[in-house]
Amino acid sequence: MKLPLEERRKILAKQAEKMLEHYQQEGEWQELQTWDELDEQ
């Protein structure tokens, strides 16, 4: 929180980019999401 807002946004953008790459490569979470949706019905 001591960093300027612009610097925090840059860091968050980099982290979000890394997570996007991770989730695009990892398909297991998509299968889990499908099962969750079936359970809700």
C-alpha atoms as a PDB file:
ATOM      1  CA  MET A   1       0.000   0.000   0.000  1.00  0.00           C
ATOM      2  CA  LYS A   2       2.999   2.265   0.320  1.00  0.00           C
ATOM      3  CA  LEU A   3       3.582   2.162  -3.426  1.00  0.00           C
ATOM      4  CA  PRO A   4       1.968   4.720  -5.701  1.00  0.00           C
ATOM      5  CA  LEU A   5      -1.304   3.608  -7.302  1.00  0.00           C
ATOM      6  CA  GLU A   6       0.234   3.390 -10.787  1.00  0.00           C
ATOM      7  CA  GLU A   7       3.008   1.097  -9.543  1.00  0.00           C
ATOM      8  CA  ARG A   8       0.508  -1.183  -7.788  1.00  0.00           C
ATOM      9  CA  ARG A   9      -1.538  -1.396 -10.986  1.00  0.00           C
ATOM     10  CA  LYS A  10       1.551  -2.425 -12.967  1.00  0.00           C
ATOM     11  CA  ILE A  11       2.348  -5.174 -10.463  1.00  0.00           C
ATOM     12  CA  LEU A  12      -1.247  -6.448 -10.465  1.00  0.00           C
ATOM     13  CA  ALA A  13      -1.324  -6.449 -14.272  1.00  0.00           C
ATOM     14  CA  LYS A  14       1.851  -8.576 -14.392  1.00  0.00           C
ATOM     15  CA  GLN A  15       0.429 -11.001 -11.832  1.00  0.00           C
ATOM     16  CA  ALA A  16      -2.866 -11.257 -13.721  1.00  0.00           C
ATOM     17  CA  GLU A  17      -0.986 -12.004 -16.935  1.00  0.00           C
ATOM     18  CA  LYS A  18       0.927 -14.838 -15.261  1.00  0.00           C
ATOM     19  CA  MET A  19      -2.270 -16.318 -13.832  1.00  0.00           C
ATOM     20  CA  LEU A  20      -3.984 -16.119 -17.230  1.00  0.00           C
ATOM     21  CA  GLU A  21      -1.144 -18.127 -18.769  1.00  0.00           C
ATOM     22  CA  HIS A  22      -1.347 -20.659 -15.946  1.00  0.00           C
ATOM     23  CA  TYR A  23      -5.095 -21.185 -16.256  1.00  0.00           C
ATOM     24  CA  GLN A  24      -4.976 -21.393 -20.036  1.00  0.00           C
ATOM     25  CA  GLN A  25      -2.418 -24.201 -19.784  1.00  0.00           C
ATOM     26  CA  GLU A  26      -4.110 -25.995 -16.878  1.00  0.00           C
ATOM     27  CA  GLY A  27      -7.370 -27.652 -17.936  1.00  0.00           C
ATOM     28  CA  GLU A  28      -8.284 -29.297 -14.636  1.00  0.00           C
ATOM     29  CA  TRP A  29     -10.040 -26.197 -13.279  1.00  0.00           C
ATOM     30  CA  GLN A  30     -12.372 -26.195 -16.304  1.00  0.00           C
ATOM     31  CA  GLU A  31     -13.469 -29.738 -15.502  1.00  0.00           C
ATOM     32  CA  LEU A  32     -14.080 -28.789 -11.879  1.00  0.00           C
ATOM     33  CA  GLN A  33     -16.137 -25.798 -12.921  1.00  0.00           C
ATOM     34  CA  THR A  34     -18.344 -28.016 -15.060  1.00  0.00           C
ATOM     35  CA  TRP A  35     -19.003 -30.376 -12.153  1.00  0.00           C
ATOM     36  CA  ASP A  36     -19.861 -27.437  -9.881  1.00  0.00           C
ATOM     37  CA  GLU A  37     -22.427 -26.232 -12.384  1.00  0.00           C
ATOM     38  CA  LEU A  38     -23.993 -29.694 -12.557  1.00  0.00           C
ATOM     39  CA  ASP A  39     -24.254 -29.858  -8.773  1.00  0.00           C
ATOM     40  CA  GLU A  40     -26.138 -26.562  -8.674  1.00  0.00           C
ATOM     41  CA  GLN A  41     -28.917 -27.778 -10.977  1.00  0.00           C
END
